[in-house]
Amino acid sequence: MSGHGDAQPMISAKSGPLKGEAAVPGDKSISHRALIFGAMAVGETRITGLLEGQDVLDTAKAMRAFGATVTQHGPGAWSVQGVGVGGFSEPADVIDCGNSGTGVRLIMGTMATTPITATFTGDASLRKRPMGRVTDPLSLFGTQAYGRKGGRLPMTVVGAANPVPVRYALPVASAQVKSAVLLAGLNAPGETVVIEREPTRDHSERMLLGFGAALHVEKGPEGHIITLQGRPELKPQTVRR
């Protein structure tokens, strides 16, 4: 872990950040998030075991478009030099997310509370999928989205210049929507709260904790209540399988 200064925890998809060796499965969900959280951290995140399918490669390309330095060093071995929470720059071109619903929804959330504009598209299949279930909660932060009829891609997202914290109860269980709202909440002041009646995959919560975010999960009468403190300085990590 040379070049990082202090020793960094490694992140495990199964058990959260650890001080010793940790195994992160080279799967799509973890790979998308490793690139995105690395882009939002301050400093260099190192990733091994990245799943190099086209969906993940499209997310890597998108992070470059928003200003992060994303470098491949070998099979599955990547580094991301992040720009910090709220540090994304406006992309010069349309962001093509290919076939990845996870990629486009998480990336929309990531830029939703930064005062920049980005246009998203995808392949024929992705362009048929409505984006309203993620753009509706993002609008609560002050984000605006303009797409084709039915809320479909191509879609232009205008990030909120003065975002407000949000309390949002998921109407339908969705790890993608939950993650998009939490990502948007990173650059909103105060506390963003997401409530899910039934728990969904918690990759984002575990990785947020690993990157240094202040996040708390509790069970209440409404379900699982996830509280995120906005505007942290995320710390770069070593994500290793």
C-alpha atoms as a PDB file:
ATOM      1  CA  MET A   1       0.000   0.000   0.000  1.00  0.00           C
ATOM      2  CA  SER A   2       2.911   2.307  -0.659  1.00  0.00           C
ATOM      3  CA  GLY A   3       2.111   5.741  -1.957  1.00  0.00           C
ATOM      4  CA  HIS A   4      -0.994   6.177   0.257  1.00  0.00           C
ATOM      5  CA  GLY A   5       0.637   7.552   3.372  1.00  0.00           C
ATOM      6  CA  ASP A   6      -1.054   5.905   6.342  1.00  0.00           C
ATOM      7  CA  ALA A   7      -2.118   2.305   5.941  1.00  0.00           C
ATOM      8  CA  GLN A   8      -5.599   2.001   4.498  1.00  0.00           C
ATOM      9  CA  PRO A   9      -8.235  -0.558   5.397  1.00  0.00           C
ATOM     10  CA  MET A  10      -9.183  -2.991   2.698  1.00  0.00           C
ATOM     11  CA  ILE A  11     -12.840  -3.414   1.890  1.00  0.00           C
ATOM     12  CA  SER A  12     -14.708  -6.699   1.875  1.00  0.00           C
ATOM     13  CA  ALA A  13     -18.081  -7.089   0.234  1.00  0.00           C
ATOM     14  CA  LYS A  14     -19.021  -9.561   2.952  1.00  0.00           C
ATOM     15  CA  SER A  15     -17.802  -8.008   6.146  1.00  0.00           C
ATOM     16  CA  GLY A  16     -16.981  -4.346   5.578  1.00  0.00           C
ATOM     17  CA  PRO A  17     -13.575  -2.719   6.111  1.00  0.00           C
ATOM     18  CA  LEU A  18     -10.876  -4.846   7.681  1.00  0.00           C
ATOM     19  CA  LYS A  19      -7.355  -4.157   8.863  1.00  0.00           C
ATOM     20  CA  GLY A  20      -5.958  -7.339   7.341  1.00  0.00           C
ATOM     21  CA  GLU A  21      -6.507  -9.076   4.065  1.00  0.00           C
ATOM     22  CA  ALA A  22     -10.042  -8.937   2.724  1.00  0.00           C
ATOM     23  CA  ALA A  23     -11.672 -10.636  -0.222  1.00  0.00           C
ATOM     24  CA  VAL A  24     -13.878  -8.650  -2.558  1.00  0.00           C
ATOM     25  CA  PRO A  25     -15.649 -10.732  -5.178  1.00  0.00           C
ATOM     26  CA  GLY A  26     -14.908  -9.459  -8.668  1.00  0.00           C
ATOM     27  CA  ASP A  27     -18.572  -8.842  -9.379  1.00  0.00           C
ATOM     28  CA  LYS A  28     -20.390  -6.115 -11.227  1.00  0.00           C
ATOM     29  CA  SER A  29     -22.052  -4.399  -8.269  1.00  0.00           C
ATOM     30  CA  ILE A  30     -18.833  -4.042  -6.277  1.00  0.00           C
ATOM     31  CA  SER A  31     -16.829  -3.019  -9.343  1.00  0.00           C
ATOM     32  CA  HIS A  32     -19.191  -0.172 -10.280  1.00  0.00           C
ATOM     33  CA  ARG A  33     -19.124   1.135  -6.734  1.00  0.00           C
ATOM     34  CA  ALA A  34     -15.355   0.815  -6.312  1.00  0.00           C
ATOM     35  CA  LEU A  35     -14.831   3.072  -9.330  1.00  0.00           C
ATOM     36  CA  ILE A  36     -17.493   5.588  -8.273  1.00  0.00           C
ATOM     37  CA  PHE A  37     -16.461   5.845  -4.621  1.00  0.00           C
ATOM     38  CA  GLY A  38     -12.824   6.040  -5.695  1.00  0.00           C
ATOM     39  CA  ALA A  39     -13.716   8.981  -7.944  1.00  0.00           C
ATOM     40  CA  MET A  40     -15.392  10.732  -4.992  1.00  0.00           C
ATOM     41  CA  ALA A  41     -12.489  10.179  -2.595  1.00  0.00           C
ATOM     42  CA  VAL A  42      -9.519  12.501  -2.162  1.00  0.00           C
ATOM     43  CA  GLY A  43      -6.400  10.648  -3.290  1.00  0.00           C
ATOM     44  CA  GLU A  44      -5.687   7.337  -4.992  1.00  0.00           C
ATOM     45  CA  THR A  45      -7.877   4.269  -4.595  1.00  0.00           C
ATOM     46  CA  ARG A  46      -6.394   0.978  -5.772  1.00  0.00           C
ATOM     47  CA  ILE A  47      -8.590  -1.848  -6.987  1.00  0.00           C
ATOM     48  CA  THR A  48      -7.686  -5.431  -7.786  1.00  0.00           C
ATOM     49  CA  GLY A  49     -10.113  -8.041  -9.037  1.00  0.00           C
ATOM     50  CA  LEU A  50     -12.207  -5.500 -10.932  1.00  0.00           C
ATOM     51  CA  LEU A  51     -14.730  -7.229 -13.184  1.00  0.00           C
ATOM     52  CA  GLU A  52     -13.786  -5.918 -16.616  1.00  0.00           C
ATOM     53  CA  GLY A  53     -17.079  -6.435 -18.397  1.00  0.00           C
ATOM     54  CA  GLN A  54     -18.382  -3.750 -20.722  1.00  0.00           C
ATOM     55  CA  ASP A  55     -20.809  -2.340 -18.132  1.00  0.00           C
ATOM     56  CA  VAL A  56     -17.987  -1.681 -15.668  1.00  0.00           C
ATOM     57  CA  LEU A  57     -15.697  -0.318 -18.378  1.00  0.00           C
ATOM     58  CA  ASP A  58     -18.436   2.156 -19.299  1.00  0.00           C
ATOM     59  CA  THR A  59     -18.541   3.334 -15.685  1.00  0.00           C
ATOM     60  CA  ALA A  60     -14.750   3.754 -15.700  1.00  0.00           C
ATOM     61  CA  LYS A  61     -15.054   5.871 -18.838  1.00  0.00           C
ATOM     62  CA  ALA A  62     -17.791   7.941 -17.209  1.00  0.00           C
ATOM     63  CA  MET A  63     -15.648   8.640 -14.134  1.00  0.00           C
ATOM     64  CA  ARG A  64     -12.917   9.928 -16.443  1.00  0.00           C
ATOM     65  CA  ALA A  65     -15.463  12.174 -18.158  1.00  0.00           C
ATOM     66  CA  PHE A  66     -16.343  13.705 -14.774  1.00  0.00           C
ATOM     67  CA  GLY A  67     -12.686  14.477 -14.037  1.00  0.00           C
ATOM     68  CA  ALA A  68     -11.277  11.489 -12.155  1.00  0.00           C
ATOM     69  CA  THR A  69      -8.087   9.822 -13.361  1.00  0.00           C
ATOM     70  CA  VAL A  70      -8.854   6.132 -13.923  1.00  0.00           C
ATOM     71  CA  THR A  71      -5.940   3.916 -14.952  1.00  0.00           C
ATOM     72  CA  GLN A  72      -5.680   0.222 -15.738  1.00  0.00           C
ATOM     73  CA  HIS A  73      -2.384  -1.328 -14.624  1.00  0.00           C
ATOM     74  CA  GLY A  74      -3.025  -4.948 -15.577  1.00  0.00           C
ATOM     75  CA  PRO A  75      -5.798  -7.558 -15.643  1.00  0.00           C
ATOM     76  CA  GLY A  76      -8.244  -6.502 -12.936  1.00  0.00           C
ATOM     77  CA  ALA A  77      -5.767  -4.011 -11.468  1.00  0.00           C
ATOM     78  CA  TRP A  78      -6.876  -0.366 -11.563  1.00  0.00           C
ATOM     79  CA  SER A  79      -6.335   2.908  -9.769  1.00  0.00           C
ATOM     80  CA  VAL A  80      -8.630   5.897  -9.388  1.00  0.00           C
ATOM     81  CA  GLN A  81      -7.363   9.346  -8.505  1.00  0.00           C
ATOM     82  CA  GLY A  82     -10.454  10.950  -7.042  1.00  0.00           C
ATOM     83  CA  VAL A  83     -11.667  14.537  -7.137  1.00  0.00           C
ATOM     84  CA  GLY A  84     -13.533  14.560  -3.829  1.00  0.00           C
ATOM     85  CA  VAL A  85     -17.209  14.821  -2.946  1.00  0.00           C
ATOM     86  CA  GLY A  86     -18.733  17.598  -5.054  1.00  0.00           C
ATOM     87  CA  GLY A  87     -15.589  17.813  -7.173  1.00  0.00           C
ATOM     88  CA  PHE A  88     -16.954  16.460 -10.454  1.00  0.00           C
ATOM     89  CA  SER A  89     -16.413  18.623 -13.535  1.00  0.00           C
ATOM     90  CA  GLU A  90     -18.941  18.904 -16.332  1.00  0.00           C
ATOM     91  CA  PRO A  91     -18.378  16.256 -19.023  1.00  0.00           C
ATOM     92  CA  ALA A  92     -17.681  17.439 -22.541  1.00  0.00           C
ATOM     93  CA  ASP A  93     -19.634  14.638 -24.198  1.00  0.00           C
ATOM     94  CA  VAL A  94     -22.693  12.484 -23.687  1.00  0.00           C
ATOM     95  CA  ILE A  95     -22.200   9.748 -21.063  1.00  0.00           C
ATOM     96  CA  ASP A  96     -22.907   6.389 -22.730  1.00  0.00           C
ATOM     97  CA  CYS A  97     -23.699   3.738 -20.111  1.00  0.00           C
ATOM     98  CA  GLY A  98     -24.203   0.945 -22.635  1.00  0.00           C
ATOM     99  CA  ASN A  99     -26.537  -1.688 -21.178  1.00  0.00           C
ATOM    100  CA  SER A 100     -25.962  -0.859 -17.519  1.00  0.00           C
ATOM    101  CA  GLY A 101     -28.974   0.215 -15.493  1.00  0.00           C
ATOM    102  CA  THR A 102     -26.831   0.085 -12.353  1.00  0.00           C
ATOM    103  CA  GLY A 103     -24.184   2.314 -13.915  1.00  0.00           C
ATOM    104  CA  VAL A 104     -26.529   5.013 -15.194  1.00  0.00           C
ATOM    105  CA  ARG A 105     -28.619   5.201 -12.008  1.00  0.00           C
ATOM    106  CA  LEU A 106     -25.623   5.339  -9.674  1.00  0.00           C
ATOM    107  CA  ILE A 107     -23.820   7.902 -11.809  1.00  0.00           C
ATOM    108  CA  MET A 108     -26.927  10.097 -11.989  1.00  0.00           C
ATOM    109  CA  GLY A 109     -27.046  10.028  -8.194  1.00  0.00           C
ATOM    110  CA  THR A 110     -23.354  10.819  -7.925  1.00  0.00           C
ATOM    111  CA  MET A 111     -23.602  14.044  -9.960  1.00  0.00           C
ATOM    112  CA  ALA A 112     -27.136  15.039  -8.909  1.00  0.00           C
ATOM    113  CA  THR A 113     -26.072  17.443  -6.162  1.00  0.00           C
ATOM    114  CA  THR A 114     -23.172  19.074  -8.010  1.00  0.00           C
ATOM    115  CA  PRO A 115     -24.024  22.167 -10.124  1.00  0.00           C
ATOM    116  CA  ILE A 116     -23.121  20.615 -13.472  1.00  0.00           C
ATOM    117  CA  THR A 117     -25.118  19.251 -16.400  1.00  0.00           C
ATOM    118  CA  ALA A 118     -24.673  15.841 -18.017  1.00  0.00           C
ATOM    119  CA  THR A 119     -26.547  13.959 -20.727  1.00  0.00           C
ATOM    120  CA  PHE A 120     -26.889  10.179 -20.457  1.00  0.00           C
ATOM    121  CA  THR A 121     -27.686   7.555 -23.066  1.00  0.00           C
ATOM    122  CA  GLY A 122     -27.270   3.828 -23.537  1.00  0.00           C
ATOM    123  CA  ASP A 123     -27.915   0.991 -25.932  1.00  0.00           C
ATOM    124  CA  ALA A 124     -31.343   0.251 -27.401  1.00  0.00           C
ATOM    125  CA  SER A 125     -32.317  -1.887 -24.397  1.00  0.00           C
ATOM    126  CA  LEU A 126     -31.320   0.708 -21.796  1.00  0.00           C
ATOM    127  CA  ARG A 127     -33.050   3.492 -23.715  1.00  0.00           C
ATOM    128  CA  LYS A 128     -36.350   1.601 -23.272  1.00  0.00           C
ATOM    129  CA  ARG A 129     -36.069   1.548 -19.465  1.00  0.00           C
ATOM    130  CA  PRO A 130     -37.778   4.387 -17.552  1.00  0.00           C
ATOM    131  CA  MET A 131     -35.542   6.379 -15.233  1.00  0.00           C
ATOM    132  CA  GLY A 132     -38.301   7.973 -13.167  1.00  0.00           C
ATOM    133  CA  ARG A 133     -37.806   5.742 -10.159  1.00  0.00           C
ATOM    134  CA  VAL A 134     -34.374   7.346  -9.664  1.00  0.00           C
ATOM    135  CA  THR A 135     -34.952  10.857 -11.063  1.00  0.00           C
ATOM    136  CA  ASP A 136     -38.083  11.349  -8.918  1.00  0.00           C
ATOM    137  CA  PRO A 137     -36.226  11.045  -5.577  1.00  0.00           C
ATOM    138  CA  LEU A 138     -33.244  12.970  -6.983  1.00  0.00           C
ATOM    139  CA  SER A 139     -35.609  15.860  -7.756  1.00  0.00           C
ATOM    140  CA  LEU A 140     -36.191  16.215  -4.003  1.00  0.00           C
ATOM    141  CA  PHE A 141     -32.592  17.427  -3.699  1.00  0.00           C
ATOM    142  CA  GLY A 142     -33.292  20.104  -6.336  1.00  0.00           C
ATOM    143  CA  THR A 143     -32.019  18.097  -9.317  1.00  0.00           C
ATOM    144  CA  GLN A 144     -33.759  18.487 -12.696  1.00  0.00           C
ATOM    145  CA  ALA A 145     -33.996  15.806 -15.382  1.00  0.00           C
ATOM    146  CA  TYR A 146     -35.221  16.096 -18.979  1.00  0.00           C
ATOM    147  CA  GLY A 147     -35.656  12.910 -20.974  1.00  0.00           C
ATOM    148  CA  ARG A 148     -37.773  11.306 -23.655  1.00  0.00           C
ATOM    149  CA  LYS A 149     -41.428  10.475 -23.112  1.00  0.00           C
ATOM    150  CA  GLY A 150     -41.872   8.193 -20.119  1.00  0.00           C
ATOM    151  CA  GLY A 151     -38.626   9.407 -18.528  1.00  0.00           C
ATOM    152  CA  ARG A 152     -36.410   7.453 -20.893  1.00  0.00           C
ATOM    153  CA  LEU A 153     -32.881   8.007 -22.173  1.00  0.00           C
ATOM    154  CA  PRO A 154     -31.332  10.046 -23.650  1.00  0.00           C
ATOM    155  CA  MET A 155     -31.749  12.232 -20.584  1.00  0.00           C
ATOM    156  CA  THR A 156     -30.107  15.437 -19.446  1.00  0.00           C
ATOM    157  CA  VAL A 157     -29.597  15.839 -15.708  1.00  0.00           C
ATOM    158  CA  VAL A 158     -28.997  19.272 -14.189  1.00  0.00           C
ATOM    159  CA  GLY A 159     -27.366  18.963 -10.791  1.00  0.00           C
ATOM    160  CA  ALA A 160     -28.738  20.975  -7.878  1.00  0.00           C
ATOM    161  CA  ALA A 161     -26.811  24.191  -7.248  1.00  0.00           C
ATOM    162  CA  ASN A 162     -28.121  24.427  -3.674  1.00  0.00           C
ATOM    163  CA  PRO A 163     -29.062  20.865  -2.701  1.00  0.00           C
ATOM    164  CA  VAL A 164     -31.134  20.157   0.371  1.00  0.00           C
ATOM    165  CA  PRO A 165     -31.021  17.000   2.494  1.00  0.00           C
ATOM    166  CA  VAL A 166     -33.745  14.465   1.807  1.00  0.00           C
ATOM    167  CA  ARG A 167     -35.764  11.953   3.786  1.00  0.00           C
ATOM    168  CA  TYR A 168     -36.985   9.326   1.347  1.00  0.00           C
ATOM    169  CA  ALA A 169     -38.949   6.121   1.882  1.00  0.00           C
ATOM    170  CA  LEU A 170     -38.422   3.682  -0.972  1.00  0.00           C
ATOM    171  CA  PRO A 171     -41.820   2.778  -2.448  1.00  0.00           C
ATOM    172  CA  VAL A 172     -40.350  -0.439  -3.896  1.00  0.00           C
ATOM    173  CA  ALA A 173     -37.276  -2.287  -2.676  1.00  0.00           C
ATOM    174  CA  SER A 174     -34.338  -1.288  -4.890  1.00  0.00           C
ATOM    175  CA  ALA A 175     -30.635  -1.290  -4.073  1.00  0.00           C
ATOM    176  CA  GLN A 176     -30.004   0.878  -7.159  1.00  0.00           C
ATOM    177  CA  VAL A 177     -32.409   3.629  -6.112  1.00  0.00           C
ATOM    178  CA  LYS A 178     -31.248   3.484  -2.491  1.00  0.00           C
ATOM    179  CA  SER A 179     -27.644   3.829  -3.647  1.00  0.00           C
ATOM    180  CA  ALA A 180     -28.445   6.725  -5.994  1.00  0.00           C
ATOM    181  CA  VAL A 181     -30.121   8.675  -3.182  1.00  0.00           C
ATOM    182  CA  LEU A 182     -27.227   8.008  -0.790  1.00  0.00           C
ATOM    183  CA  LEU A 183     -24.708   9.081  -3.427  1.00  0.00           C
ATOM    184  CA  ALA A 184     -26.638  12.300  -3.994  1.00  0.00           C
ATOM    185  CA  GLY A 185     -26.805  12.826  -0.239  1.00  0.00           C
ATOM    186  CA  LEU A 186     -23.017  12.832  -0.006  1.00  0.00           C
ATOM    187  CA  ASN A 187     -22.904  16.369  -1.420  1.00  0.00           C
ATOM    188  CA  ALA A 188     -26.007  17.694   0.348  1.00  0.00           C
ATOM    189  CA  PRO A 189     -25.718  19.487   3.703  1.00  0.00           C
ATOM    190  CA  GLY A 190     -27.044  17.871   6.848  1.00  0.00           C
ATOM    191  CA  GLU A 191     -28.468  14.365   7.038  1.00  0.00           C
ATOM    192  CA  THR A 192     -30.003  12.423   4.181  1.00  0.00           C
ATOM    193  CA  VAL A 193     -32.229   9.563   5.324  1.00  0.00           C
ATOM    194  CA  VAL A 194     -33.345   6.573   3.264  1.00  0.00           C
ATOM    195  CA  ILE A 195     -36.009   4.232   4.610  1.00  0.00           C
ATOM    196  CA  GLU A 196     -36.543   0.781   3.168  1.00  0.00           C
ATOM    197  CA  ARG A 197     -39.383  -1.443   4.333  1.00  0.00           C
ATOM    198  CA  GLU A 198     -37.449  -4.549   3.331  1.00  0.00           C
ATOM    199  CA  PRO A 199     -33.637  -4.608   3.349  1.00  0.00           C
ATOM    200  CA  THR A 200     -31.859  -4.779   0.005  1.00  0.00           C
ATOM    201  CA  ARG A 201     -28.213  -5.496  -0.822  1.00  0.00           C
ATOM    202  CA  ASP A 202     -26.051  -3.246   1.319  1.00  0.00           C
ATOM    203  CA  HIS A 203     -22.943  -2.967  -0.859  1.00  0.00           C
ATOM    204  CA  SER A 204     -23.197   0.824  -0.921  1.00  0.00           C
ATOM    205  CA  GLU A 205     -23.581   1.181   2.845  1.00  0.00           C
ATOM    206  CA  ARG A 206     -20.603  -1.071   3.541  1.00  0.00           C
ATOM    207  CA  MET A 207     -18.418   0.687   1.010  1.00  0.00           C
ATOM    208  CA  LEU A 208     -19.471   4.153   2.189  1.00  0.00           C
ATOM    209  CA  LEU A 209     -18.357   3.197   5.691  1.00  0.00           C
ATOM    210  CA  GLY A 210     -15.128   1.802   4.287  1.00  0.00           C
ATOM    211  CA  PHE A 211     -14.397   5.064   2.473  1.00  0.00           C
ATOM    212  CA  GLY A 212     -14.965   7.068   5.648  1.00  0.00           C
ATOM    213  CA  ALA A 213     -18.537   8.335   5.396  1.00  0.00           C
ATOM    214  CA  ALA A 214     -20.600   8.885   8.557  1.00  0.00           C
ATOM    215  CA  LEU A 215     -23.482   6.460   8.086  1.00  0.00           C
ATOM    216  CA  HIS A 216     -25.791   4.777  10.567  1.00  0.00           C
ATOM    217  CA  VAL A 217     -28.341   2.010  10.012  1.00  0.00           C
ATOM    218  CA  GLU A 218     -31.077   1.154  12.476  1.00  0.00           C
ATOM    219  CA  LYS A 219     -34.316  -0.795  12.442  1.00  0.00           C
ATOM    220  CA  GLY A 220     -37.457   1.157  13.297  1.00  0.00           C
ATOM    221  CA  PRO A 221     -41.214   0.830  12.861  1.00  0.00           C
ATOM    222  CA  GLU A 222     -40.908   2.040   9.253  1.00  0.00           C
ATOM    223  CA  GLY A 223     -38.219  -0.499   8.384  1.00  0.00           C
ATOM    224  CA  HIS A 224     -34.475  -0.059   7.935  1.00  0.00           C
ATOM    225  CA  ILE A 225     -33.494   3.582   8.428  1.00  0.00           C
ATOM    226  CA  ILE A 226     -30.191   4.636   6.831  1.00  0.00           C
ATOM    227  CA  THR A 227     -28.854   8.027   7.904  1.00  0.00           C
ATOM    228  CA  LEU A 228     -25.950   9.623   6.025  1.00  0.00           C
ATOM    229  CA  GLN A 229     -24.127  12.778   7.078  1.00  0.00           C
ATOM    230  CA  GLY A 230     -23.461  14.923   4.026  1.00  0.00           C
ATOM    231  CA  ARG A 231     -20.243  16.442   2.747  1.00  0.00           C
ATOM    232  CA  PRO A 232     -17.624  14.128   4.228  1.00  0.00           C
ATOM    233  CA  GLU A 233     -14.107  13.853   2.878  1.00  0.00           C
ATOM    234  CA  LEU A 234     -13.970  10.312   1.580  1.00  0.00           C
ATOM    235  CA  LYS A 235     -10.627   8.589   2.064  1.00  0.00           C
ATOM    236  CA  PRO A 236      -9.026   6.516  -0.700  1.00  0.00           C
ATOM    237  CA  GLN A 237      -8.977   2.789  -0.136  1.00  0.00           C
ATOM    238  CA  THR A 238      -7.409  -0.438  -1.305  1.00  0.00           C
ATOM    239  CA  VAL A 239     -10.196  -2.638  -2.651  1.00  0.00           C
ATOM    240  CA  ARG A 240      -8.829  -6.142  -3.103  1.00  0.00           C
ATOM    241  CA  ARG A 241     -10.201  -9.592  -3.756  1.00  0.00           C
END
